[in-house]
Amino acid sequence: MTEQNLVDYKVEEAVAVLTLNDPPANTYSYEMMQQLDARILEARMDERVQVIVITGSGEKFFCAGANIQMLSNVTPEFKYYFCLHANETLSRLEQTPKLVIAAINGHCVGGGLEVAMAADLRVARRGAGKMGLPEVSLGVLPGTGGTQRLARLVGKSRAIELMATGQLFDFEVGRDLGLINVLYAADTAESFMDQVRTYAKQFTTPDKAARAVGLIKRAVQTGAEIPFESALALERELQQQLFQTEDAKEGLDAYVGKRKAKFKGK
């Protein structure tokens, strides 16, 4: 049997778009998470790729989280290892030294929001859906990093309130909470993704030093989770890596020469 393609991968002008593809709600199974894991590694190793975008297929859902029907039919042991692998996959996304943008094209709830929170930036289509972590209504908690990432993004007290009530809210509220960076008005999914690609390309060469962007991401994502002095040491080490790049030389030369830098990602 031919394996179903559950995560599409496409590269255009240094931007890799990973599309969760299991309509109608793009819920994830173990098979989808395995493919997402593989696509994340592919984008990490792909020298063409400077920015990663993750989105959902269709116009109604980014992702509605884990496939509940699947979870209701498996053993507790399988559920544990399923959640463990999903956590490892999202940590890999979070730790990849390339900027990751979640393009939220529709409803983004439960595990779908957990996926989006593992991205560095989140942009959404205005009025396209709801977001939230309603797992409490199933008698469980957000188990793919949701309790930890939400608290780090919105604060402990607000995070507890949102998860304990299980409330869903509009993307505008998500922006006010700090979950959404940018809201775009778009008539279609295609026009939304056009805006997302334009947004993503601002972080690529020749206008931006893509390696510097990626290591800024690494400094923040890792540094925020370790002691401050260790984080400063990490920052110095990443800076030293950048000092040795062609782009750092180009940036300094362009500044001295009073011209616009043209970066190569090297």
Protein backbone atom coordinates (compact mmCIF):
# COMPACT_ATOMS: atom_id res chain seq x y z
CA MET A 1 0.00 0.00 0.00
CA THR A 2 1.14 3.53 -0.77
CA GLU A 3 1.63 5.68 2.33
CA GLN A 4 -0.83 8.57 2.53
CA ASN A 5 0.86 11.95 2.24
CA LEU A 6 -0.20 13.72 5.43
CA VAL A 7 2.38 16.54 5.41
CA ASP A 8 3.15 18.31 2.14
CA TYR A 9 6.58 19.89 1.62
CA LYS A 10 7.27 22.68 -0.85
CA VAL A 11 10.17 25.14 -1.13
CA GLU A 12 9.83 28.50 -2.85
CA GLU A 13 12.41 31.31 -2.66
CA ALA A 14 14.12 30.02 0.52
CA VAL A 15 10.79 29.41 2.31
CA ALA A 16 9.72 25.82 3.03
CA VAL A 17 5.97 25.39 3.50
CA LEU A 18 4.92 22.34 5.52
CA THR A 19 1.18 21.71 5.12
CA LEU A 20 -0.77 19.43 7.46
CA ASN A 21 -2.99 17.55 5.04
CA ASP A 22 -5.75 15.39 6.51
CA PRO A 23 -9.06 17.12 5.77
CA PRO A 24 -11.45 18.20 6.96
CA ALA A 25 -9.80 19.13 10.30
CA ASN A 26 -6.14 18.17 9.75
CA THR A 27 -6.13 16.18 13.00
CA TYR A 28 -2.87 14.44 13.67
CA SER A 29 -2.20 10.76 14.15
CA TYR A 30 1.05 8.97 14.91
CA GLU A 31 1.51 8.62 11.14
CA MET A 32 1.12 12.37 10.59
CA MET A 33 3.54 13.16 13.41
CA GLN A 34 6.10 10.78 11.92
CA GLN A 35 5.80 12.59 8.59
CA LEU A 36 5.94 16.02 10.26
CA ASP A 37 9.07 14.93 12.12
CA ALA A 38 10.64 13.84 8.82
CA ARG A 39 9.66 17.08 7.05
CA ILE A 40 11.12 19.18 9.88
CA LEU A 41 14.41 17.32 9.52
CA GLU A 42 14.23 17.71 5.75
CA ALA A 43 13.77 21.48 6.08
CA ARG A 44 16.55 21.65 8.67
CA MET A 45 19.00 19.91 6.33
CA ASP A 46 17.79 21.55 3.09
CA GLU A 47 20.37 24.23 2.23
CA ARG A 48 17.78 26.07 0.12
CA VAL A 49 15.60 26.69 3.18
CA GLN A 50 16.05 29.74 5.40
CA VAL A 51 12.53 30.03 6.88
CA ILE A 52 9.96 27.32 7.65
CA VAL A 53 6.20 27.93 7.45
CA ILE A 54 3.74 25.40 8.85
CA THR A 55 0.05 25.61 7.91
CA GLY A 56 -3.06 23.49 7.34
CA SER A 57 -4.76 22.44 4.12
CA GLY A 58 -8.11 23.95 3.17
CA GLU A 59 -9.81 27.06 4.49
CA LYS A 60 -11.44 25.91 7.74
CA PHE A 61 -8.75 24.32 9.91
CA PHE A 62 -5.11 24.86 10.71
CA CYS A 63 -5.30 21.79 12.94
CA ALA A 64 -7.90 20.50 15.39
CA GLY A 65 -5.33 18.56 17.39
CA ALA A 66 -4.94 14.84 17.91
CA ASN A 67 -7.33 12.45 16.22
CA ILE A 68 -9.76 11.65 19.06
CA GLN A 69 -11.18 8.59 17.30
CA MET A 70 -7.68 7.17 17.07
CA LEU A 71 -6.95 7.90 20.74
CA SER A 72 -10.19 6.23 21.86
CA ASN A 73 -9.12 2.96 20.21
CA VAL A 74 -5.55 2.56 21.47
CA THR A 75 -3.98 1.43 24.73
CA PRO A 76 -2.80 3.82 27.48
CA GLU A 77 0.77 2.75 26.70
CA PHE A 78 0.35 3.72 23.03
CA LYS A 79 -1.14 7.08 24.09
CA TYR A 80 1.90 7.75 26.27
CA TYR A 81 4.41 7.00 23.51
CA PHE A 82 2.29 8.90 20.99
CA CYS A 83 2.41 12.00 23.21
CA LEU A 84 6.13 11.50 23.86
CA HIS A 85 6.91 11.39 20.14
CA ALA A 86 4.69 14.44 19.48
CA ASN A 87 6.59 16.33 22.18
CA GLU A 88 9.92 15.32 20.64
CA THR A 89 8.72 16.41 17.19
CA LEU A 90 7.62 19.86 18.37
CA SER A 91 10.83 20.31 20.34
CA ARG A 92 12.75 19.53 17.15
CA LEU A 93 10.72 22.22 15.37
CA GLU A 94 11.40 24.67 18.19
CA GLN A 95 15.13 23.96 18.32
CA THR A 96 15.82 23.98 14.56
CA PRO A 97 18.07 27.02 13.90
CA LYS A 98 15.79 28.39 11.20
CA LEU A 99 12.89 30.75 11.85
CA VAL A 100 9.53 28.94 12.05
CA ILE A 101 6.24 30.69 11.30
CA ALA A 102 2.82 29.15 11.97
CA ALA A 103 0.37 30.35 9.30
CA ILE A 104 -2.97 29.87 11.05
CA ASN A 105 -5.49 29.64 8.23
CA GLY A 106 -8.43 28.32 10.24
CA HIS A 107 -9.46 26.84 13.59
CA CYS A 108 -6.41 26.18 15.76
CA VAL A 109 -7.47 24.24 18.84
CA GLY A 110 -6.10 21.65 21.21
CA GLY A 111 -3.03 19.99 19.78
CA GLY A 112 -3.24 22.32 16.80
CA LEU A 113 -2.52 25.28 19.05
CA GLU A 114 0.26 23.26 20.66
CA VAL A 115 1.84 22.87 17.22
CA ALA A 116 1.47 26.61 16.55
CA MET A 117 2.99 27.54 19.91
CA ALA A 118 6.12 25.55 19.03
CA ALA A 119 6.67 27.99 16.15
CA ASP A 120 8.64 31.19 16.72
CA LEU A 121 6.03 33.49 15.19
CA ARG A 122 2.31 33.06 14.56
CA VAL A 123 0.32 34.86 11.86
CA ALA A 124 -3.41 34.29 11.36
CA ARG A 125 -6.18 34.98 8.88
CA ARG A 126 -8.59 37.45 10.46
CA GLY A 127 -11.99 35.98 11.25
CA ALA A 128 -11.03 32.50 10.01
CA GLY A 129 -11.64 30.58 13.21
CA LYS A 130 -11.15 30.05 16.93
CA MET A 131 -8.20 29.03 19.04
CA GLY A 132 -7.77 27.57 22.51
CA LEU A 133 -6.91 24.50 24.57
CA PRO A 134 -10.22 22.75 25.48
CA GLU A 135 -8.71 19.41 26.59
CA VAL A 136 -10.26 19.77 30.07
CA SER A 137 -13.63 18.98 28.48
CA LEU A 138 -12.23 15.52 27.65
CA GLY A 139 -10.97 15.02 31.18
CA VAL A 140 -7.32 15.47 30.22
CA LEU A 141 -4.76 18.26 29.96
CA PRO A 142 -2.91 19.71 26.93
CA GLY A 143 -0.20 17.06 26.76
CA THR A 144 1.95 18.10 23.81
CA GLY A 145 3.67 21.02 25.46
CA GLY A 146 0.52 23.11 25.85
CA THR A 147 0.66 23.70 29.60
CA GLN A 148 4.29 24.80 29.41
CA ARG A 149 4.35 26.86 26.22
CA LEU A 150 1.09 28.67 26.94
CA ALA A 151 2.34 29.68 30.41
CA ARG A 152 5.55 31.00 28.89
CA LEU A 153 3.66 33.00 26.27
CA VAL A 154 0.81 34.51 28.32
CA GLY A 155 1.87 34.07 31.96
CA LYS A 156 0.99 31.40 34.51
CA SER A 157 -2.28 32.77 35.89
CA ARG A 158 -3.83 33.55 32.50
CA ALA A 159 -2.66 30.19 31.13
CA ILE A 160 -4.28 28.29 34.00
CA GLU A 161 -7.52 30.21 33.47
CA LEU A 162 -7.59 29.54 29.71
CA MET A 163 -6.89 25.82 30.11
CA ALA A 164 -9.07 25.22 33.19
CA THR A 165 -12.07 26.85 31.50
CA GLY A 166 -11.22 25.33 28.13
CA GLN A 167 -12.55 28.44 26.43
CA LEU A 168 -12.14 29.07 22.72
CA PHE A 169 -11.52 32.60 21.50
CA ASP A 170 -11.13 34.63 18.31
CA PHE A 171 -7.76 35.33 16.74
CA GLU A 172 -8.14 38.99 17.72
CA VAL A 173 -8.19 37.93 21.38
CA GLY A 174 -5.19 35.71 20.64
CA ARG A 175 -3.34 38.75 19.38
CA ASP A 176 -4.19 40.69 22.53
CA LEU A 177 -2.92 37.77 24.62
CA GLY A 178 0.36 37.72 22.71
CA LEU A 179 -0.32 34.40 20.96
CA ILE A 180 -0.69 35.97 17.50
CA ASN A 181 1.97 38.30 16.06
CA VAL A 182 0.15 39.45 12.92
CA LEU A 183 -3.44 39.29 11.64
CA TYR A 184 -4.12 39.42 7.90
CA ALA A 185 -7.42 40.14 6.18
CA ALA A 186 -7.75 37.77 3.22
CA ASP A 187 -10.66 36.76 0.99
CA THR A 188 -9.23 33.30 0.26
CA ALA A 189 -6.76 30.82 1.67
CA GLU A 190 -4.53 31.47 -1.35
CA SER A 191 -4.39 35.22 -0.76
CA PHE A 192 -3.67 34.60 2.93
CA MET A 193 -0.73 32.38 2.04
CA ASP A 194 0.53 34.97 -0.44
CA GLN A 195 0.68 37.45 2.45
CA VAL A 196 2.37 34.86 4.67
CA ARG A 197 5.06 34.21 2.06
CA THR A 198 5.72 37.94 1.73
CA TYR A 199 5.99 38.16 5.52
CA ALA A 200 8.35 35.17 5.62
CA LYS A 201 10.61 36.45 2.85
CA GLN A 202 11.56 39.53 4.90
CA PHE A 203 13.67 37.15 7.01
CA THR A 204 15.59 35.71 4.03
CA THR A 205 18.57 36.75 1.93
CA PRO A 206 19.60 39.07 0.39
CA ASP A 207 17.82 41.53 2.71
CA LYS A 208 18.38 39.64 5.96
CA ALA A 209 21.27 37.54 7.21
CA ALA A 210 19.27 34.33 7.55
CA ARG A 211 21.89 32.59 9.71
CA ALA A 212 21.78 35.49 12.16
CA VAL A 213 17.98 35.25 12.27
CA GLY A 214 18.23 31.52 12.97
CA LEU A 215 20.75 31.95 15.76
CA ILE A 216 18.73 34.79 17.33
CA LYS A 217 15.93 32.23 17.48
CA ARG A 218 18.24 29.63 19.07
CA ALA A 219 19.59 32.11 21.61
CA VAL A 220 16.07 33.01 22.76
CA GLN A 221 14.48 29.55 22.64
CA THR A 222 17.30 27.86 24.54
CA GLY A 223 18.46 30.82 26.61
CA ALA A 224 15.04 31.39 28.14
CA GLU A 225 15.10 27.89 29.65
CA ILE A 226 18.56 27.92 31.32
CA PRO A 227 20.21 30.03 34.05
CA PHE A 228 20.94 33.61 33.02
CA GLU A 229 24.72 33.30 33.15
CA SER A 230 24.56 30.15 31.03
CA ALA A 231 22.28 31.96 28.59
CA LEU A 232 24.80 34.78 28.28
CA ALA A 233 27.53 32.23 27.58
CA LEU A 234 25.33 30.66 24.89
CA GLU A 235 24.75 34.08 23.37
CA ARG A 236 28.50 34.73 23.21
CA GLU A 237 29.15 31.38 21.53
CA LEU A 238 26.46 31.94 18.91
CA GLN A 239 27.79 35.45 18.30
CA GLN A 240 31.27 34.04 17.76
CA GLN A 241 29.85 31.63 15.17
CA LEU A 242 28.30 34.59 13.34
CA PHE A 243 31.49 36.68 13.52
CA GLN A 244 33.12 34.03 11.33
CA THR A 245 30.49 34.20 8.56
CA GLU A 246 30.68 35.97 5.22
CA ASP A 247 27.43 37.76 6.05
CA ALA A 248 28.89 39.36 9.17
CA LYS A 249 31.77 40.71 7.10
CA GLU A 250 29.32 41.94 4.47
CA GLY A 251 27.15 43.64 7.09
CA LEU A 252 30.09 45.49 8.62
CA ASP A 253 31.56 46.44 5.24
CA ALA A 254 28.19 47.71 4.02
CA TYR A 255 27.74 49.82 7.16
CA VAL A 256 31.18 51.38 6.82
CA GLY A 257 30.67 51.90 3.09
CA LYS A 258 27.23 53.42 3.64
CA ARG A 259 25.51 50.98 1.31
CA LYS A 260 22.78 48.38 1.63
CA ALA A 261 24.09 44.98 2.63
CA LYS A 262 23.46 42.02 0.32
CA PHE A 263 23.52 38.86 2.40
CA LYS A 264 24.11 35.33 1.08
CA GLY A 265 23.26 33.19 4.06
CA LYS A 266 26.91 32.12 4.38
